[in-house]
Structures are given as structure tokens and as C-alpha cells.
C-alpha atoms as a PDB file:
ATOM      1  CA  MET A   1      -0.051  -0.248   0.478  1.00  0.00           C
ATOM      2  CA  THR A   2       1.239   3.702  -0.801  1.00  0.00           C
ATOM      3  CA  LYS A   3       1.582   6.572   1.146  1.00  0.00           C
ATOM      4  CA  SER A   4      -1.018   8.245  -1.063  1.00  0.00           C
ATOM      5  CA  GLU A   5      -3.371   4.914  -0.843  1.00  0.00           C
ATOM      6  CA  THR A   6      -2.751   4.458   2.926  1.00  0.00           C
ATOM      7  CA  GLN A   7      -3.972   8.443   3.654  1.00  0.00           C
ATOM      8  CA  PHE A   8      -6.883   8.021   1.369  1.00  0.00           C
ATOM      9  CA  ARG A   9      -8.014   5.225   3.301  1.00  0.00           C
ATOM     10  CA  ALA A  10      -7.894   6.964   6.674  1.00  0.00           C
ATOM     11  CA  SER A  11      -9.526  10.164   5.292  1.00  0.00           C
ATOM     12  CA  ASN A  12     -12.070   7.781   3.703  1.00  0.00           C
ATOM     13  CA  LEU A  13     -13.339   5.524   6.901  1.00  0.00           C
ATOM     14  CA  THR A  14     -16.757   4.499   7.069  1.00  0.00           C
ATOM     15  CA  ASP A  15     -18.745   5.353  10.219  1.00  0.00           C
ATOM     16  CA  SER A  16     -18.675   1.570  11.565  1.00  0.00           C
ATOM     17  CA  GLU A  17     -14.934   1.144  10.354  1.00  0.00           C
ATOM     18  CA  GLN A  18     -13.979   4.952  12.530  1.00  0.00           C
ATOM     19  CA  GLU A  19     -15.823   3.189  15.524  1.00  0.00           C
ATOM     20  CA  ASP A  20     -14.137  -0.206  15.530  1.00  0.00           C
ATOM     21  CA  ILE A  21     -10.995   2.141  15.301  1.00  0.00           C
ATOM     22  CA  GLN A  22     -12.046   4.144  18.465  1.00  0.00           C
ATOM     23  CA  ARG A  23     -12.803   0.942  20.185  1.00  0.00           C
ATOM     24  CA  LEU A  24      -9.947  -0.499  19.593  1.00  0.00           C
ATOM     25  CA  LYS A  25      -7.284   2.502  20.522  1.00  0.00           C
ATOM     26  CA  ARG A  26      -9.130   2.897  23.670  1.00  0.00           C
ATOM     27  CA  LEU A  27      -8.835  -1.447  24.768  1.00  0.00           C
ATOM     28  CA  PHE A  28      -5.181  -1.324  23.288  1.00  0.00           C
ATOM     29  CA  ASP A  29      -4.336   1.723  25.652  1.00  0.00           C
ATOM     30  CA  GLU A  30      -6.294  -0.113  28.690  1.00  0.00           C
ATOM     31  CA  LYS A  31      -5.360  -3.461  28.542  1.00  0.00           C
ATOM     32  CA  ALA A  32      -2.066  -4.080  26.270  1.00  0.00           C
ATOM     33  CA  GLY A  33       0.600  -3.597  29.094  1.00  0.00           C
ATOM     34  CA  LEU A  34       2.894  -3.796  26.129  1.00  0.00           C
ATOM     35  CA  SER A  35       4.717  -1.177  23.436  1.00  0.00           C
ATOM     36  CA  GLN A  36       2.926  -1.548  20.131  1.00  0.00           C
ATOM     37  CA  LYS A  37       6.210  -3.335  19.046  1.00  0.00           C
ATOM     38  CA  ASP A  38       6.242  -6.475  21.744  1.00  0.00           C
ATOM     39  CA  PHE A  39       2.141  -6.584  21.359  1.00  0.00           C
ATOM     40  CA  GLY A  40       2.215  -6.977  17.669  1.00  0.00           C
ATOM     41  CA  SER A  41       5.370  -8.972  17.934  1.00  0.00           C
ATOM     42  CA  ARG A  42       3.886 -11.306  20.530  1.00  0.00           C
ATOM     43  CA  TRP A  43       0.376 -11.640  18.950  1.00  0.00           C
ATOM     44  CA  GLY A  44       1.947 -11.806  15.577  1.00  0.00           C
ATOM     45  CA  ILE A  45       0.019  -8.941  14.219  1.00  0.00           C
ATOM     46  CA  GLY A  46       2.935  -7.375  12.285  1.00  0.00           C
ATOM     47  CA  SER A  47       5.353  -4.014  12.649  1.00  0.00           C
ATOM     48  CA  PRO A  48       5.266  -1.436  14.583  1.00  0.00           C
ATOM     49  CA  GLY A  49       4.427   0.445  11.290  1.00  0.00           C
ATOM     50  CA  MET A  50       1.574  -1.750  10.907  1.00  0.00           C
ATOM     51  CA  MET A  51       0.595  -1.761  14.563  1.00  0.00           C
ATOM     52  CA  SER A  52       0.133   2.339  14.307  1.00  0.00           C
ATOM     53  CA  GLN A  53      -1.723   1.985  11.088  1.00  0.00           C
ATOM     54  CA  TYR A  54      -4.073  -0.431  12.743  1.00  0.00           C
ATOM     55  CA  LEU A  55      -4.438   1.830  15.788  1.00  0.00           C
ATOM     56  CA  THR A  56      -5.157   5.366  13.290  1.00  0.00           C
ATOM     57  CA  GLY A  57      -7.216   3.855  11.052  1.00  0.00           C
ATOM     58  CA  LYS A  58      -4.988   3.853   8.197  1.00  0.00           C
ATOM     59  CA  ARG A  59      -4.664   0.221   7.350  1.00  0.00           C
ATOM     60  CA  SER A  60      -8.606  -1.796   7.531  1.00  0.00           C
ATOM     61  CA  LEU A  61      -9.288  -4.145  10.310  1.00  0.00           C
ATOM     62  CA  GLY A  62     -10.065  -7.430   9.069  1.00  0.00           C
ATOM     63  CA  LEU A  63     -11.098 -10.478  11.027  1.00  0.00           C
ATOM     64  CA  ALA A  64      -8.118 -12.181  11.495  1.00  0.00           C
ATOM     65  CA  ALA A  65      -6.763  -9.058  13.061  1.00  0.00           C
ATOM     66  CA  ALA A  66      -9.113  -8.393  15.071  1.00  0.00           C
ATOM     67  CA  ILE A  67      -9.314 -12.006  16.672  1.00  0.00           C
ATOM     68  CA  LYS A  68      -5.396 -11.339  17.784  1.00  0.00           C
ATOM     69  CA  PHE A  69      -5.894  -8.012  18.756  1.00  0.00           C
ATOM     70  CA  ALA A  70      -8.793  -9.234  20.872  1.00  0.00           C
ATOM     71  CA  LYS A  71      -6.672 -12.460  22.157  1.00  0.00           C
ATOM     72  CA  GLY A  72      -3.960 -10.224  23.232  1.00  0.00           C
ATOM     73  CA  LEU A  73      -6.239  -7.523  25.088  1.00  0.00           C
ATOM     74  CA  GLY A  74      -8.807 -10.563  26.708  1.00  0.00           C
ATOM     75  CA  VAL A  75     -11.200  -9.243  24.909  1.00  0.00           C
ATOM     76  CA  GLU A  76     -14.150 -10.734  23.107  1.00  0.00           C
ATOM     77  CA  VAL A  77     -13.974  -9.820  19.236  1.00  0.00           C
ATOM     78  CA  ALA A  78     -17.243  -7.803  19.470  1.00  0.00           C
ATOM     79  CA  ASP A  79     -15.801  -5.397  21.824  1.00  0.00           C
ATOM     80  CA  ILE A  80     -13.970  -4.587  18.907  1.00  0.00           C
ATOM     81  CA  SER A  81     -15.673  -4.700  15.962  1.00  0.00           C
ATOM     82  CA  PRO A  82     -19.648  -5.895  16.308  1.00  0.00           C
ATOM     83  CA  ILE A  83     -20.027  -6.264  12.439  1.00  0.00           C
ATOM     84  CA  LEU A  84     -16.631  -8.376  12.000  1.00  0.00           C
ATOM     85  CA  ALA A  85     -17.805 -10.326  14.827  1.00  0.00           C
ATOM     86  CA  ARG A  86     -20.663 -11.418  13.116  1.00  0.00           C
ATOM     87  CA  GLN A  87     -18.456 -13.050  10.714  1.00  0.00           C
ATOM     88  CA  LEU A  88     -17.501 -15.682  13.352  1.00  0.00           C
ATOM     89  CA  PRO A  89     -18.738 -19.194  13.406  1.00  0.00           C
ATOM     90  CA  PRO A  90     -21.187 -20.044  15.630  1.00  0.00           C
ATOM     91  CA  ALA A  91     -19.663 -21.049  19.543  1.00  0.00           C
ATOM     92  CA  THR A  92     -19.706 -25.137  19.923  1.00  0.00           C
ATOM     93  CA  PRO A  93     -21.794 -25.449  23.549  1.00  0.00           C
ATOM     94  CA  THR A  94     -19.225 -27.452  25.832  1.00  0.00           C
ATOM     95  CA  PRO A  95     -19.093 -28.582  29.410  1.00  0.00           C
ATOM     96  CA  ALA A  96     -18.620 -26.589  32.275  1.00  0.00           C
ATOM     97  CA  ALA A  97     -17.554 -26.354  35.729  1.00  0.00           C
ATOM     98  CA  SER A  98     -20.780 -25.642  40.857  1.00  0.00           C
ATOM     99  CA  ASP A  99     -22.294 -23.504  43.276  1.00  0.00           C
ATOM    100  CA  ALA A 100     -19.759 -20.346  42.175  1.00  0.00           C
ATOM    101  CA  VAL A 101     -18.947 -22.977  39.399  1.00  0.00           C
ATOM    102  CA  VAL A 102     -22.111 -23.444  37.382  1.00  0.00           C
ATOM    103  CA  PRO A 103     -22.912 -26.797  35.196  1.00  0.00           C
ATOM    104  CA  ALA A 104     -23.789 -26.640  31.773  1.00  0.00           C
ATOM    105  CA  THR A 105     -26.481 -28.251  29.968  1.00  0.00           C
ATOM    106  CA  ASN A 106     -26.331 -29.650  26.257  1.00  0.00           C
ATOM    107  CA  GLU A 107     -28.197 -26.795  25.428  1.00  0.00           C
ATOM    108  CA  GLN A 108     -26.019 -24.233  26.995  1.00  0.00           C
ATOM    109  CA  ALA A 109     -23.719 -22.623  24.794  1.00  0.00           C
ATOM    110  CA  GLY A 110     -22.065 -20.238  27.103  1.00  0.00           C
ATOM    111  CA  PRO A 111     -22.445 -19.317  30.694  1.00  0.00           C
ATOM    112  CA  PRO A 112     -25.373 -17.989  32.284  1.00  0.00           C
ATOM    113  CA  GLU A 113     -26.542 -14.334  32.751  1.00  0.00           C
ATOM    114  CA  GLY A 114     -24.439 -13.129  36.058  1.00  0.00           C
ATOM    115  CA  TYR A 115     -21.591 -15.829  35.261  1.00  0.00           C
ATOM    116  CA  ILE A 116     -18.725 -15.534  33.415  1.00  0.00           C
ATOM    117  CA  ARG A 117     -16.464 -18.289  31.518  1.00  0.00           C
ATOM    118  CA  LEU A 118     -12.868 -18.617  32.250  1.00  0.00           C
ATOM    119  CA  GLU A 119     -10.972 -19.983  29.657  1.00  0.00           C
ATOM    120  CA  HIS A 120      -7.987 -22.459  30.255  1.00  0.00           C
ATOM    121  CA  LEU A 121      -4.696 -21.617  28.456  1.00  0.00           C
ATOM    122  CA  SER A 122      -3.092 -24.993  27.496  1.00  0.00           C
ATOM    123  CA  ALA A 123      -0.060 -24.304  28.597  1.00  0.00           C
ATOM    124  CA  GLN A 124       1.085 -25.662  32.230  1.00  0.00           C
ATOM    125  CA  PRO A 125       3.539 -23.111  33.578  1.00  0.00           C
ATOM    126  CA  SER A 126       6.371 -24.981  35.421  1.00  0.00           C
ATOM    127  CA  MET A 127       7.212 -25.003  39.200  1.00  0.00           C
ATOM    128  CA  GLY A 128      10.193 -26.878  38.982  1.00  0.00           C
ATOM    129  CA  HIS A 129      13.655 -25.907  37.402  1.00  0.00           C
ATOM    130  CA  GLY A 130      12.376 -24.948  34.260  1.00  0.00           C
ATOM    131  CA  ALA A 131      12.224 -27.532  31.898  1.00  0.00           C
ATOM    132  CA  VAL A 132      10.502 -27.285  28.292  1.00  0.00           C
ATOM    133  CA  VAL A 133       6.797 -27.388  29.060  1.00  0.00           C
ATOM    134  CA  ASP A 134       4.859 -30.659  28.361  1.00  0.00           C
ATOM    135  CA  GLU A 135       1.466 -30.999  28.158  1.00  0.00           C
ATOM    136  CA  LEU A 136      -0.928 -32.240  31.113  1.00  0.00           C
ATOM    137  CA  GLU A 137      -4.205 -33.832  30.694  1.00  0.00           C
ATOM    138  CA  GLN A 138      -6.374 -30.789  30.930  1.00  0.00           C
ATOM    139  CA  VAL A 139      -8.734 -31.831  33.489  1.00  0.00           C
ATOM    140  CA  VAL A 140     -10.240 -28.573  33.228  1.00  0.00           C
ATOM    141  CA  GLN A 141     -11.581 -27.154  30.010  1.00  0.00           C
ATOM    142  CA  HIS A 142     -13.000 -23.867  31.337  1.00  0.00           C
ATOM    143  CA  LEU A 143     -15.114 -22.350  34.534  1.00  0.00           C
ATOM    144  CA  ASP A 144     -18.314 -20.759  34.326  1.00  0.00           C
ATOM    145  CA  VAL A 145     -17.373 -18.645  37.384  1.00  0.00           C
ATOM    146  CA  LEU A 146     -20.270 -16.029  39.102  1.00  0.00           C
ATOM    147  CA  GLU A 147     -18.996 -12.954  38.117  1.00  0.00           C
ATOM    148  CA  ARG A 148     -19.448 -11.064  41.160  1.00  0.00           C
ATOM    149  CA  TRP A 149     -16.960 -13.797  42.801  1.00  0.00           C
ATOM    150  CA  VAL A 150     -14.173 -13.498  40.538  1.00  0.00           C
ATOM    151  CA  ARG A 151     -14.660  -9.709  41.408  1.00  0.00           C
ATOM    152  CA  GLU A 152     -14.739 -10.083  45.184  1.00  0.00           C
ATOM    153  CA  GLU A 153     -12.908 -13.143  45.870  1.00  0.00           C
ATOM    154  CA  VAL A 154     -10.081 -13.310  42.909  1.00  0.00           C
ATOM    155  CA  GLY A 155      -9.416 -10.086  43.229  1.00  0.00           C
ATOM    156  CA  SER A 156     -10.085  -8.474  39.281  1.00  0.00           C
ATOM    157  CA  VAL A 157     -12.015  -5.667  38.604  1.00  0.00           C
ATOM    158  CA  ASP A 158     -12.151  -6.796  35.168  1.00  0.00           C
ATOM    159  CA  ALA A 159     -13.537 -10.688  34.968  1.00  0.00           C
ATOM    160  CA  GLN A 160     -12.391 -10.715  31.031  1.00  0.00           C
ATOM    161  CA  ARG A 161      -8.520 -10.387  32.141  1.00  0.00           C
ATOM    162  CA  VAL A 162      -8.515 -13.777  34.109  1.00  0.00           C
ATOM    163  CA  LYS A 163      -7.951 -17.020  32.324  1.00  0.00           C
ATOM    164  CA  VAL A 164      -7.042 -20.343  34.455  1.00  0.00           C
ATOM    165  CA  LEU A 165      -3.797 -21.791  34.264  1.00  0.00           C
ATOM    166  CA  THR A 166      -2.664 -25.503  35.685  1.00  0.00           C
ATOM    167  CA  ALA A 167       0.497 -25.494  38.058  1.00  0.00           C
ATOM    168  CA  LYS A 168       2.846 -28.281  37.196  1.00  0.00           C
ATOM    169  CA  GLY A 169       5.520 -28.943  39.561  1.00  0.00           C
ATOM    170  CA  ARG A 170       7.086 -28.218  43.415  1.00  0.00           C
ATOM    171  CA  SER A 171       8.833 -25.716  43.490  1.00  0.00           C
ATOM    172  CA  MET A 172       5.726 -23.066  44.776  1.00  0.00           C
ATOM    173  CA  TRP A 173       4.788 -25.625  47.575  1.00  0.00           C
ATOM    174  CA  PRO A 174       3.340 -25.303  49.945  1.00  0.00           C
ATOM    175  CA  ALA A 175       1.088 -22.015  48.458  1.00  0.00           C
ATOM    176  CA  ILE A 176       0.450 -23.356  45.191  1.00  0.00           C
ATOM    177  CA  ASN A 177       0.706 -27.932  44.629  1.00  0.00           C
ATOM    178  CA  HIS A 178       1.136 -29.407  41.659  1.00  0.00           C
ATOM    179  CA  ARG A 179      -2.051 -29.400  39.407  1.00  0.00           C
ATOM    180  CA  ASP A 180      -3.614 -26.592  41.023  1.00  0.00           C
ATOM    181  CA  LEU A 181      -5.827 -24.500  39.040  1.00  0.00           C
ATOM    182  CA  VAL A 182      -4.268 -21.131  38.942  1.00  0.00           C
ATOM    183  CA  PHE A 183      -6.342 -17.862  37.980  1.00  0.00           C
ATOM    184  CA  VAL A 184      -4.069 -15.139  36.214  1.00  0.00           C
ATOM    185  CA  ASP A 185      -4.863 -11.605  34.673  1.00  0.00           C
ATOM    186  CA  VAL A 186      -3.067 -12.080  31.614  1.00  0.00           C
ATOM    187  CA  ALA A 187      -3.613  -8.647  30.606  1.00  0.00           C
ATOM    188  CA  GLN A 188      -0.788  -8.174  33.502  1.00  0.00           C
ATOM    189  CA  ARG A 189       2.194  -7.402  30.685  1.00  0.00           C
ATOM    190  CA  VAL A 190       4.581  -5.819  33.298  1.00  0.00           C
ATOM    191  CA  ILE A 191       6.069  -6.686  37.061  1.00  0.00           C
ATOM    192  CA  ASP A 192       4.606  -3.532  38.440  1.00  0.00           C
ATOM    193  CA  ALA A 193       5.049  -5.088  42.237  1.00  0.00           C
ATOM    194  CA  PRO A 194       6.550  -8.020  44.006  1.00  0.00           C
ATOM    195  CA  GLY A 195       4.198 -11.326  43.371  1.00  0.00           C
ATOM    196  CA  ILE A 196       3.737 -14.428  41.675  1.00  0.00           C
ATOM    197  CA  TYR A 197       3.545 -14.088  37.985  1.00  0.00           C
ATOM    198  CA  VAL A 198       3.942 -16.544  34.867  1.00  0.00           C
ATOM    199  CA  VAL A 199       6.826 -15.760  32.892  1.00  0.00           C
ATOM    200  CA  HIS A 200       8.156 -16.816  29.610  1.00  0.00           C
ATOM    201  CA  VAL A 201      11.822 -16.733  29.778  1.00  0.00           C
ATOM    202  CA  ALA A 202      14.909 -18.838  27.655  1.00  0.00           C
ATOM    203  CA  GLY A 203      12.006 -20.914  25.952  1.00  0.00           C
ATOM    204  CA  ARG A 204      10.374 -21.943  29.352  1.00  0.00           C
ATOM    205  CA  LEU A 205       7.273 -20.782  30.702  1.00  0.00           C
ATOM    206  CA  LEU A 206       7.604 -20.148  34.601  1.00  0.00           C
ATOM    207  CA  LEU A 207       4.980 -19.674  37.520  1.00  0.00           C
ATOM    208  CA  LYS A 208       7.217 -18.132  40.272  1.00  0.00           C
ATOM    209  CA  LYS A 209       7.615 -15.353  42.566  1.00  0.00           C
ATOM    210  CA  ALA A 210       9.383 -12.231  40.682  1.00  0.00           C
ATOM    211  CA  LEU A 211      10.579  -8.643  41.277  1.00  0.00           C
ATOM    212  CA  ILE A 212      12.613  -6.163  39.804  1.00  0.00           C
ATOM    213  CA  LEU A 213      15.366  -4.879  41.631  1.00  0.00           C
ATOM    214  CA  ALA A 214      16.510  -1.118  41.429  1.00  0.00           C
ATOM    215  CA  ASN A 215      19.097  -1.836  39.154  1.00  0.00           C
ATOM    216  CA  GLY A 216      16.832  -2.916  36.580  1.00  0.00           C
ATOM    217  CA  THR A 217      17.698  -7.131  37.311  1.00  0.00           C
ATOM    218  CA  LEU A 218      14.560  -9.519  36.693  1.00  0.00           C
ATOM    219  CA  VAL A 219      14.627 -11.939  39.810  1.00  0.00           C
ATOM    220  CA  LEU A 220      12.543 -15.154  40.023  1.00  0.00           C
ATOM    221  CA  ARG A 221      12.445 -17.491  43.074  1.00  0.00           C
ATOM    222  CA  SER A 222      10.688 -20.132  44.120  1.00  0.00           C
ATOM    223  CA  GLU A 223       8.374 -20.597  47.612  1.00  0.00           C
ATOM    224  CA  ASN A 224       9.794 -24.136  48.320  1.00  0.00           C
ATOM    225  CA  GLN A 225      13.486 -22.795  49.213  1.00  0.00           C
ATOM    226  CA  THR A 226      13.938 -26.511  50.721  1.00  0.00           C
ATOM    227  CA  GLU A 227      14.339 -28.098  47.421  1.00  0.00           C
ATOM    228  CA  PHE A 228      14.861 -25.245  44.723  1.00  0.00           C
ATOM    229  CA  PRO A 229      16.872 -22.706  46.978  1.00  0.00           C
ATOM    230  CA  ASP A 230      18.543 -20.883  43.587  1.00  0.00           C
ATOM    231  CA  GLU A 231      17.109 -18.036  41.980  1.00  0.00           C
ATOM    232  CA  GLU A 232      17.329 -16.844  38.672  1.00  0.00           C
ATOM    233  CA  ARG A 233      18.685 -13.032  37.536  1.00  0.00           C
ATOM    234  CA  TYR A 234      18.686 -11.223  34.529  1.00  0.00           C
ATOM    235  CA  ASP A 235      19.336  -8.064  33.407  1.00  0.00           C
ATOM    236  CA  LEU A 236      16.322  -6.643  31.806  1.00  0.00           C
ATOM    237  CA  ALA A 237      18.674  -3.868  29.894  1.00  0.00           C
ATOM    238  CA  LYS A 238      20.655  -6.873  28.456  1.00  0.00           C
ATOM    239  CA  GLU A 239      18.063  -9.824  28.416  1.00  0.00           C
ATOM    240  CA  GLY A 240      14.523  -8.077  27.989  1.00  0.00           C
ATOM    241  CA  ASP A 241      14.070  -9.010  25.015  1.00  0.00           C
ATOM    242  CA  THR A 242      13.922 -12.793  25.375  1.00  0.00           C
ATOM    243  CA  ILE A 243      11.552 -12.218  28.649  1.00  0.00           C
ATOM    244  CA  THR A 244       7.872 -12.095  28.384  1.00  0.00           C
ATOM    245  CA  ILE A 245       5.660 -11.594  31.527  1.00  0.00           C
ATOM    246  CA  CYS A 246       2.361 -13.790  30.452  1.00  0.00           C
ATOM    247  CA  GLY A 247       0.343 -12.458  33.759  1.00  0.00           C
ATOM    248  CA  LYS A 248      -0.190 -11.824  37.223  1.00  0.00           C
ATOM    249  CA  VAL A 249      -1.485 -14.698  39.501  1.00  0.00           C
ATOM    250  CA  LEU A 250      -4.535 -13.447  41.363  1.00  0.00           C
ATOM    251  CA  ALA A 251      -5.559 -16.618  43.277  1.00  0.00           C
ATOM    252  CA  TRP A 252      -5.763 -20.515  43.029  1.00  0.00           C
ATOM    253  CA  TRP A 253      -7.630 -23.383  43.827  1.00  0.00           C
ATOM    254  CA  SER A 254      -6.064 -26.490  45.299  1.00  0.00           C
ATOM    255  CA  LEU A 255      -7.533 -29.998  45.759  1.00  0.00           C
ATOM    256  CA  ARG A 256      -7.968 -31.194  49.282  1.00  0.00           C
ATOM    257  CA  LYS A 257      -8.773 -34.833  50.169  1.00  0.00           C
ATOM    258  CA  GLY A 258     -10.876 -35.396  53.283  1.00  0.00           C
END
């Protein structure tokens, strides 16, 4: 696309396309937590120039790009573009989880009113020495949870940002156990305070206590200091491009046998 074509498109957006761009820009500013460069690279959208064109309306936002933006921002395609969302195939009903978690019926294609569906992300963050992640059997596919419970108990003001992961290993024991269900704010893409984070580093997906020192050093530690006393340190000025913060842990569920 030439410069003149790009300028022509930007000045000839339909009202609905302008509204889509405004929604996308607002959601990006509120939820991305990454630079345009890092966001575009992580979610396969394109170069910083392409990201800028999408966010300013100089490039038409098709369904494929809208799906990638929605996934990265933790929202639905309809939140960005109601018109493009109509092009999506109909959702397939899937079984859900009782009480605050509600069982689904065969006719139920989505969560009932007042509930929100927390999708399970397929990857299993390692809590061991950080070997390359292999897949555990996915016991839970998703949870239909009372939205008010998510806000009050899990602690997220935006339940759409929360996804579920299955923990793996013993390094976060006794806080988090092997195969615990972990509630992660996937829109939290920076370490703004010490806590437990899902971090992708050197080809490994880790669930660790993390903090950033005043000198710009990322420190990853285990809760189980008896078995895993070592900590990992990374100079973000030199190694920041190889490290991705995938989300902050808000809460977790542990199975207790009677």
C-alpha cells in the first residue's frame, strides 16, 4: 500500500470503521500493557508500523487482525467490532464447571446471566527447574464462574482479563501445589510490584515469585526454598527482549482430599 493509498483509506473510513478504530485504540490503551512493537510481535499482528496503521485507522481492520487483537487484549471480537464479530462461526457448546461454578447443559452454549467463562490456557507453567513445558492432561477446559465472585474473591476489577492455568511441579509448594488451578490476569504484562507471575524466559514458561530490583534486574524465586533454593537473575537492559511477562497470579484453587 502506497502512502497516498494509506492516507486515502484513513480519510475515507465509514462511520462503523471509525467506531471500530476508536474502540480498538481505547482497549489497547487500557489493557495491552505492552508497547505497540512488543504487542504486535507477541500476537503475530505485525511490525510497529503496521500496528500504528491499525490503531490510527490507516489500515483496514479485517477479521484475522481483530481476532489477534482480541486475544492479546483479553476481550471478545465483538468488543472491538460488532460487524466483524458476525463473521465468526457460531460457538460450540462445551461442558462447564458448581455453586460459584455452574454445570452446563447440552443446550447451553455459554455461561448463564451473571456468570463469566474463564478459559483454560493449554500451556502448563512449570514450577520445577524450568524444563521445557510438556502438556499435562487438561482436567478442566473452562470454568463458568459467578462474575461477582471473581471480582470479590479473585480480585480482578475486569473479569474478562482472567484466565485459568494448571500449575506443574513443586517449587511453589506449599503455596501452590502440583495441578492446582491458577487464576491469572493475562492483561498484566509488566511486573509493577513483587508477586507471583507467569513468565516466559529462554523458551520456558515458569510460575515464579518475581520482582525487579532498582538496578533493573529481574529476580525469579521459588516458594519451596528447601528443594529449590536457587534464584534466577536477568539483566533486563541486556536480556529484556527474551523475557515476556504473560500475566500475574491473582489466586489459585487447591484440591484437598478428605
